[in-house]
Amino acid sequence: MAAKNRAERIKSKAEAVRAKRVPCPYRTGDVVYILSGKSRGTTGEFMKYDAKRNMVFVQGRNMVKHFVKANPDINRQAGEVSVELPIHVSSTAYYCRECSKPSSIRRREEVTKTVETRTRIEDGVEVTREIPVRTRTVSFVCRRCGAERPRRRKAWFPAARRPRIRLPRACGLSGRIRRRNRDSRA
């Protein structure tokens, strides 16, 4: 078997790392139960997720003390600083507030079928048609007790405060985004 060149090896390693990445199972504000490690059996609030290493930061858990030198440039004194270290995702579980136990989350889909009537005038005659409409709602529930996970509020920007996106003119999207920025200023 011929040896791979360096570029192919790097490319295959990057693909392997990308394949191992798991989407974050928690949302900011979720309560997380720690299954193993020195903080085993405790709960804390989920703070952030490191996708490259599949690690979770939990507020006030897995704390370590760092000793820092004095630095007059940034006005820092010497002493101890407590820092949270990450915990692997497999060592944590979602903590349900309803049943007060660690569990996992299940995705529940509900499809409702309704009939909508639409009327229109065709050749001077009013025509009524019934159209079937399917509505799909997705929610996340506790596997143990079936309680629904609290919903996350979406960020809303009024037109005046919407962040402006700047792209070079050569980009295909630049015209559409320029129009959106122009409309938001008006």
C-alpha atoms as a PDB file:
ATOM      1  CA  MET A   1       0.000   0.000   0.000  1.00  0.00           C
ATOM      2  CA  ALA A   2       1.448   3.363  -1.012  1.00  0.00           C
ATOM      3  CA  ALA A   3       2.028   5.906   1.719  1.00  0.00           C
ATOM      4  CA  LYS A   4      -0.269   8.904   1.649  1.00  0.00           C
ATOM      5  CA  ASN A   5       1.274  12.269   1.116  1.00  0.00           C
ATOM      6  CA  ARG A   6       1.141  14.828   3.941  1.00  0.00           C
ATOM      7  CA  ALA A   7      -1.795  16.807   2.504  1.00  0.00           C
ATOM      8  CA  GLU A   8      -3.974  13.688   2.240  1.00  0.00           C
ATOM      9  CA  ARG A   9      -3.127  12.636   5.798  1.00  0.00           C
ATOM     10  CA  ILE A  10      -4.038  16.072   7.172  1.00  0.00           C
ATOM     11  CA  LYS A  11      -7.256  16.079   5.156  1.00  0.00           C
ATOM     12  CA  SER A  12      -8.273  12.626   6.420  1.00  0.00           C
ATOM     13  CA  LYS A  13      -7.513  13.638  10.040  1.00  0.00           C
ATOM     14  CA  ALA A  14      -9.668  16.750   9.677  1.00  0.00           C
ATOM     15  CA  GLU A  15     -12.525  14.661   8.270  1.00  0.00           C
ATOM     16  CA  ALA A  16     -12.202  12.202  11.153  1.00  0.00           C
ATOM     17  CA  VAL A  17     -12.375  15.029  13.712  1.00  0.00           C
ATOM     18  CA  ARG A  18     -15.349  16.580  11.907  1.00  0.00           C
ATOM     19  CA  ALA A  19     -17.135  13.220  11.865  1.00  0.00           C
ATOM     20  CA  LYS A  20     -16.765  12.842  15.650  1.00  0.00           C
ATOM     21  CA  ARG A  21     -18.303  16.256  16.390  1.00  0.00           C
ATOM     22  CA  VAL A  22     -21.679  15.961  18.043  1.00  0.00           C
ATOM     23  CA  PRO A  23     -24.313  18.715  18.114  1.00  0.00           C
ATOM     24  CA  CYS A  24     -24.793  20.289  21.524  1.00  0.00           C
ATOM     25  CA  PRO A  25     -27.463  18.392  23.489  1.00  0.00           C
ATOM     26  CA  TYR A  26     -28.110  21.267  25.931  1.00  0.00           C
ATOM     27  CA  ARG A  27     -29.253  24.865  25.751  1.00  0.00           C
ATOM     28  CA  THR A  28     -28.021  27.783  27.809  1.00  0.00           C
ATOM     29  CA  GLY A  29     -29.836  27.700  31.134  1.00  0.00           C
ATOM     30  CA  ASP A  30     -30.495  23.924  31.171  1.00  0.00           C
ATOM     31  CA  VAL A  31     -29.713  22.137  34.416  1.00  0.00           C
ATOM     32  CA  VAL A  32     -27.077  19.415  33.919  1.00  0.00           C
ATOM     33  CA  TYR A  33     -26.402  16.421  36.195  1.00  0.00           C
ATOM     34  CA  ILE A  34     -22.763  15.284  36.417  1.00  0.00           C
ATOM     35  CA  LEU A  35     -22.376  11.486  36.229  1.00  0.00           C
ATOM     36  CA  SER A  36     -18.633  11.073  36.818  1.00  0.00           C
ATOM     37  CA  GLY A  37     -15.552  12.914  38.010  1.00  0.00           C
ATOM     38  CA  LYS A  38     -14.855  14.838  41.172  1.00  0.00           C
ATOM     39  CA  SER A  39     -18.194  16.722  40.925  1.00  0.00           C
ATOM     40  CA  ARG A  40     -20.163  13.461  40.525  1.00  0.00           C
ATOM     41  CA  GLY A  41     -23.770  13.592  41.730  1.00  0.00           C
ATOM     42  CA  THR A  42     -24.105  17.370  41.584  1.00  0.00           C
ATOM     43  CA  THR A  43     -26.122  19.624  39.299  1.00  0.00           C
ATOM     44  CA  GLY A  44     -25.245  22.933  37.724  1.00  0.00           C
ATOM     45  CA  GLU A  45     -26.330  25.287  34.982  1.00  0.00           C
ATOM     46  CA  PHE A  46     -25.009  24.655  31.461  1.00  0.00           C
ATOM     47  CA  MET A  47     -22.832  27.550  30.249  1.00  0.00           C
ATOM     48  CA  LYS A  48     -21.176  26.695  26.930  1.00  0.00           C
ATOM     49  CA  TYR A  49     -20.168  23.826  24.643  1.00  0.00           C
ATOM     50  CA  ASP A  50     -16.803  23.121  22.987  1.00  0.00           C
ATOM     51  CA  ALA A  51     -17.711  21.280  19.772  1.00  0.00           C
ATOM     52  CA  LYS A  52     -14.137  20.364  18.820  1.00  0.00           C
ATOM     53  CA  ARG A  53     -13.541  18.412  22.032  1.00  0.00           C
ATOM     54  CA  ASN A  54     -17.196  17.496  22.872  1.00  0.00           C
ATOM     55  CA  MET A  55     -16.812  19.195  26.240  1.00  0.00           C
ATOM     56  CA  VAL A  56     -19.385  21.030  28.362  1.00  0.00           C
ATOM     57  CA  PHE A  57     -18.801  23.897  30.801  1.00  0.00           C
ATOM     58  CA  VAL A  58     -21.073  23.740  33.877  1.00  0.00           C
ATOM     59  CA  GLN A  59     -21.363  26.752  36.169  1.00  0.00           C
ATOM     60  CA  GLY A  60     -19.674  26.224  39.539  1.00  0.00           C
ATOM     61  CA  ARG A  61     -18.658  22.594  38.863  1.00  0.00           C
ATOM     62  CA  ASN A  62     -15.253  20.980  38.169  1.00  0.00           C
ATOM     63  CA  MET A  63     -13.551  24.026  39.679  1.00  0.00           C
ATOM     64  CA  VAL A  64      -9.749  24.334  39.771  1.00  0.00           C
ATOM     65  CA  LYS A  65      -7.578  26.984  41.419  1.00  0.00           C
ATOM     66  CA  HIS A  66      -4.964  28.732  39.325  1.00  0.00           C
ATOM     67  CA  PHE A  67      -2.233  30.818  40.878  1.00  0.00           C
ATOM     68  CA  VAL A  68      -1.594  33.965  38.875  1.00  0.00           C
ATOM     69  CA  LYS A  69       1.287  36.425  38.932  1.00  0.00           C
ATOM     70  CA  ALA A  70       0.756  40.109  39.498  1.00  0.00           C
ATOM     71  CA  ASN A  71       0.493  42.110  36.273  1.00  0.00           C
ATOM     72  CA  PRO A  72       0.431  45.893  36.659  1.00  0.00           C
ATOM     73  CA  ASP A  73      -0.324  46.407  32.938  1.00  0.00           C
ATOM     74  CA  ILE A  74      -3.834  44.988  33.314  1.00  0.00           C
ATOM     75  CA  ASN A  75      -4.143  45.952  37.000  1.00  0.00           C
ATOM     76  CA  ARG A  76      -4.165  42.344  38.288  1.00  0.00           C
ATOM     77  CA  GLN A  77      -2.915  41.315  41.710  1.00  0.00           C
ATOM     78  CA  ALA A  78      -1.179  38.047  42.521  1.00  0.00           C
ATOM     79  CA  GLY A  79      -3.279  35.306  44.090  1.00  0.00           C
ATOM     80  CA  GLU A  80      -5.674  32.420  43.484  1.00  0.00           C
ATOM     81  CA  VAL A  81      -8.294  32.397  40.738  1.00  0.00           C
ATOM     82  CA  SER A  82     -11.023  29.725  40.541  1.00  0.00           C
ATOM     83  CA  VAL A  83     -11.720  28.491  37.006  1.00  0.00           C
ATOM     84  CA  GLU A  84     -14.255  25.989  35.646  1.00  0.00           C
ATOM     85  CA  LEU A  85     -12.769  23.165  33.600  1.00  0.00           C
ATOM     86  CA  PRO A  86     -14.808  21.419  30.895  1.00  0.00           C
ATOM     87  CA  ILE A  87     -16.490  18.024  31.412  1.00  0.00           C
ATOM     88  CA  HIS A  88     -16.989  15.517  28.594  1.00  0.00           C
ATOM     89  CA  VAL A  89     -20.557  15.335  27.272  1.00  0.00           C
ATOM     90  CA  SER A  90     -20.790  11.605  27.990  1.00  0.00           C
ATOM     91  CA  SER A  91     -20.213  12.364  31.689  1.00  0.00           C
ATOM     92  CA  THR A  92     -23.309  14.578  31.921  1.00  0.00           C
ATOM     93  CA  ALA A  93     -27.062  14.090  31.679  1.00  0.00           C
ATOM     94  CA  TYR A  94     -30.029  16.423  31.321  1.00  0.00           C
ATOM     95  CA  TYR A  95     -31.614  17.078  34.749  1.00  0.00           C
ATOM     96  CA  CYS A  96     -35.401  17.229  34.616  1.00  0.00           C
ATOM     97  CA  ARG A  97     -36.837  19.792  37.042  1.00  0.00           C
ATOM     98  CA  GLU A  98     -40.254  18.079  37.077  1.00  0.00           C
ATOM     99  CA  CYS A  99     -39.159  14.606  38.233  1.00  0.00           C
ATOM    100  CA  SER A 100     -35.937  15.865  39.937  1.00  0.00           C
ATOM    101  CA  LYS A 101     -33.845  13.111  38.350  1.00  0.00           C
ATOM    102  CA  PRO A 102     -31.268  12.898  35.577  1.00  0.00           C
ATOM    103  CA  SER A 103     -32.690  11.655  32.293  1.00  0.00           C
ATOM    104  CA  SER A 104     -32.343  12.060  28.561  1.00  0.00           C
ATOM    105  CA  ILE A 105     -34.368  14.135  26.134  1.00  0.00           C
ATOM    106  CA  ARG A 106     -36.639  12.753  23.451  1.00  0.00           C
ATOM    107  CA  ARG A 107     -37.796  14.654  20.369  1.00  0.00           C
ATOM    108  CA  ARG A 108     -41.583  14.558  20.002  1.00  0.00           C
ATOM    109  CA  GLU A 109     -43.305  15.488  16.752  1.00  0.00           C
ATOM    110  CA  GLU A 110     -47.009  16.141  16.538  1.00  0.00           C
ATOM    111  CA  VAL A 111     -48.675  16.420  13.146  1.00  0.00           C
ATOM    112  CA  THR A 112     -52.155  17.899  13.048  1.00  0.00           C
ATOM    113  CA  LYS A 113     -54.251  17.695   9.912  1.00  0.00           C
ATOM    114  CA  THR A 114     -56.880  20.345   9.318  1.00  0.00           C
ATOM    115  CA  VAL A 115     -58.981  21.413   6.363  1.00  0.00           C
ATOM    116  CA  GLU A 116     -58.855  25.020   5.229  1.00  0.00           C
ATOM    117  CA  THR A 117     -61.553  26.474   2.983  1.00  0.00           C
ATOM    118  CA  ARG A 118     -60.578  29.046   0.369  1.00  0.00           C
ATOM    119  CA  THR A 119     -62.930  30.994  -1.828  1.00  0.00           C
ATOM    120  CA  ARG A 120     -62.153  32.799  -5.040  1.00  0.00           C
ATOM    121  CA  ILE A 121     -64.092  34.304  -7.918  1.00  0.00           C
ATOM    122  CA  GLU A 122     -63.637  32.470 -11.197  1.00  0.00           C
ATOM    123  CA  ASP A 123     -65.518  33.638 -14.315  1.00  0.00           C
ATOM    124  CA  GLY A 124     -67.911  35.660 -12.146  1.00  0.00           C
ATOM    125  CA  VAL A 125     -68.782  32.600 -10.005  1.00  0.00           C
ATOM    126  CA  GLU A 126     -67.629  32.146  -6.427  1.00  0.00           C
ATOM    127  CA  VAL A 127     -65.707  28.857  -6.065  1.00  0.00           C
ATOM    128  CA  THR A 128     -65.032  27.305  -2.654  1.00  0.00           C
ATOM    129  CA  ARG A 129     -62.267  24.715  -2.268  1.00  0.00           C
ATOM    130  CA  GLU A 130     -61.209  22.673   0.720  1.00  0.00           C
ATOM    131  CA  ILE A 131     -57.442  22.284   1.064  1.00  0.00           C
ATOM    132  CA  PRO A 132     -55.880  19.830   3.552  1.00  0.00           C
ATOM    133  CA  VAL A 133     -53.229  21.519   5.706  1.00  0.00           C
ATOM    134  CA  ARG A 134     -50.651  19.690   7.811  1.00  0.00           C
ATOM    135  CA  THR A 135     -49.076  21.479  10.778  1.00  0.00           C
ATOM    136  CA  ARG A 136     -46.017  19.985  12.443  1.00  0.00           C
ATOM    137  CA  THR A 137     -44.916  20.992  15.948  1.00  0.00           C
ATOM    138  CA  VAL A 138     -41.657  19.735  17.423  1.00  0.00           C
ATOM    139  CA  SER A 139     -40.975  19.682  21.159  1.00  0.00           C
ATOM    140  CA  PHE A 140     -38.371  18.094  23.411  1.00  0.00           C
ATOM    141  CA  VAL A 141     -39.589  16.078  26.389  1.00  0.00           C
ATOM    142  CA  CYS A 142     -38.077  14.190  29.319  1.00  0.00           C
ATOM    143  CA  ARG A 143     -37.915  10.436  28.631  1.00  0.00           C
ATOM    144  CA  ARG A 144     -38.666   9.637  32.255  1.00  0.00           C
ATOM    145  CA  CYS A 145     -41.758  11.750  33.050  1.00  0.00           C
ATOM    146  CA  GLY A 146     -42.741  13.260  29.675  1.00  0.00           C
ATOM    147  CA  ALA A 147     -42.481  16.876  30.887  1.00  0.00           C
ATOM    148  CA  GLU A 148     -41.745  19.359  28.100  1.00  0.00           C
ATOM    149  CA  ARG A 149     -38.402  21.154  28.173  1.00  0.00           C
ATOM    150  CA  PRO A 150     -38.775  24.942  28.561  1.00  0.00           C
ATOM    151  CA  ARG A 151     -38.717  26.714  25.208  1.00  0.00           C
ATOM    152  CA  ARG A 152     -35.917  29.056  24.248  1.00  0.00           C
ATOM    153  CA  ARG A 153     -36.850  32.615  23.351  1.00  0.00           C
ATOM    154  CA  LYS A 154     -35.649  33.750  19.944  1.00  0.00           C
ATOM    155  CA  ALA A 155     -33.575  36.881  19.655  1.00  0.00           C
ATOM    156  CA  TRP A 156     -35.518  39.683  18.047  1.00  0.00           C
ATOM    157  CA  PHE A 157     -33.957  42.749  16.490  1.00  0.00           C
ATOM    158  CA  PRO A 158     -36.096  45.747  15.591  1.00  0.00           C
ATOM    159  CA  ALA A 159     -35.223  47.174  12.173  1.00  0.00           C
ATOM    160  CA  ALA A 160     -33.239  50.051  13.715  1.00  0.00           C
ATOM    161  CA  ARG A 161     -31.047  47.711  15.825  1.00  0.00           C
ATOM    162  CA  ARG A 162     -30.620  44.848  13.348  1.00  0.00           C
ATOM    163  CA  PRO A 163     -26.900  44.102  12.907  1.00  0.00           C
ATOM    164  CA  ARG A 164     -25.623  45.274   9.552  1.00  0.00           C
ATOM    165  CA  ILE A 165     -23.746  42.765   7.431  1.00  0.00           C
ATOM    166  CA  ARG A 166     -20.906  43.986   5.252  1.00  0.00           C
ATOM    167  CA  LEU A 167     -19.816  41.920   2.264  1.00  0.00           C
ATOM    168  CA  PRO A 168     -17.564  42.726  -0.679  1.00  0.00           C
ATOM    169  CA  ARG A 169     -19.370  43.840  -3.835  1.00  0.00           C
ATOM    170  CA  ALA A 170     -18.071  40.785  -5.726  1.00  0.00           C
ATOM    171  CA  CYS A 171     -20.136  38.490  -3.482  1.00  0.00           C
ATOM    172  CA  GLY A 172     -23.433  37.335  -5.003  1.00  0.00           C
ATOM    173  CA  LEU A 173     -25.418  38.143  -1.852  1.00  0.00           C
ATOM    174  CA  SER A 174     -24.138  41.686  -1.510  1.00  0.00           C
ATOM    175  CA  GLY A 175     -27.010  43.314  -3.457  1.00  0.00           C
ATOM    176  CA  ARG A 176     -29.705  41.587  -1.400  1.00  0.00           C
ATOM    177  CA  ILE A 177     -27.986  42.428   1.896  1.00  0.00           C
ATOM    178  CA  ARG A 178     -27.346  46.015   0.784  1.00  0.00           C
ATOM    179  CA  ARG A 179     -31.074  46.396   0.053  1.00  0.00           C
ATOM    180  CA  ARG A 180     -31.932  44.913   3.460  1.00  0.00           C
ATOM    181  CA  ASN A 181     -29.558  47.324   5.200  1.00  0.00           C
ATOM    182  CA  ARG A 182     -30.995  50.248   3.218  1.00  0.00           C
ATOM    183  CA  ASP A 183     -34.564  49.239   4.152  1.00  0.00           C
ATOM    184  CA  SER A 184     -33.686  48.883   7.844  1.00  0.00           C
ATOM    185  CA  ARG A 185     -32.264  52.433   7.968  1.00  0.00           C
ATOM    186  CA  ALA A 186     -35.422  53.958   6.494  1.00  0.00           C
END
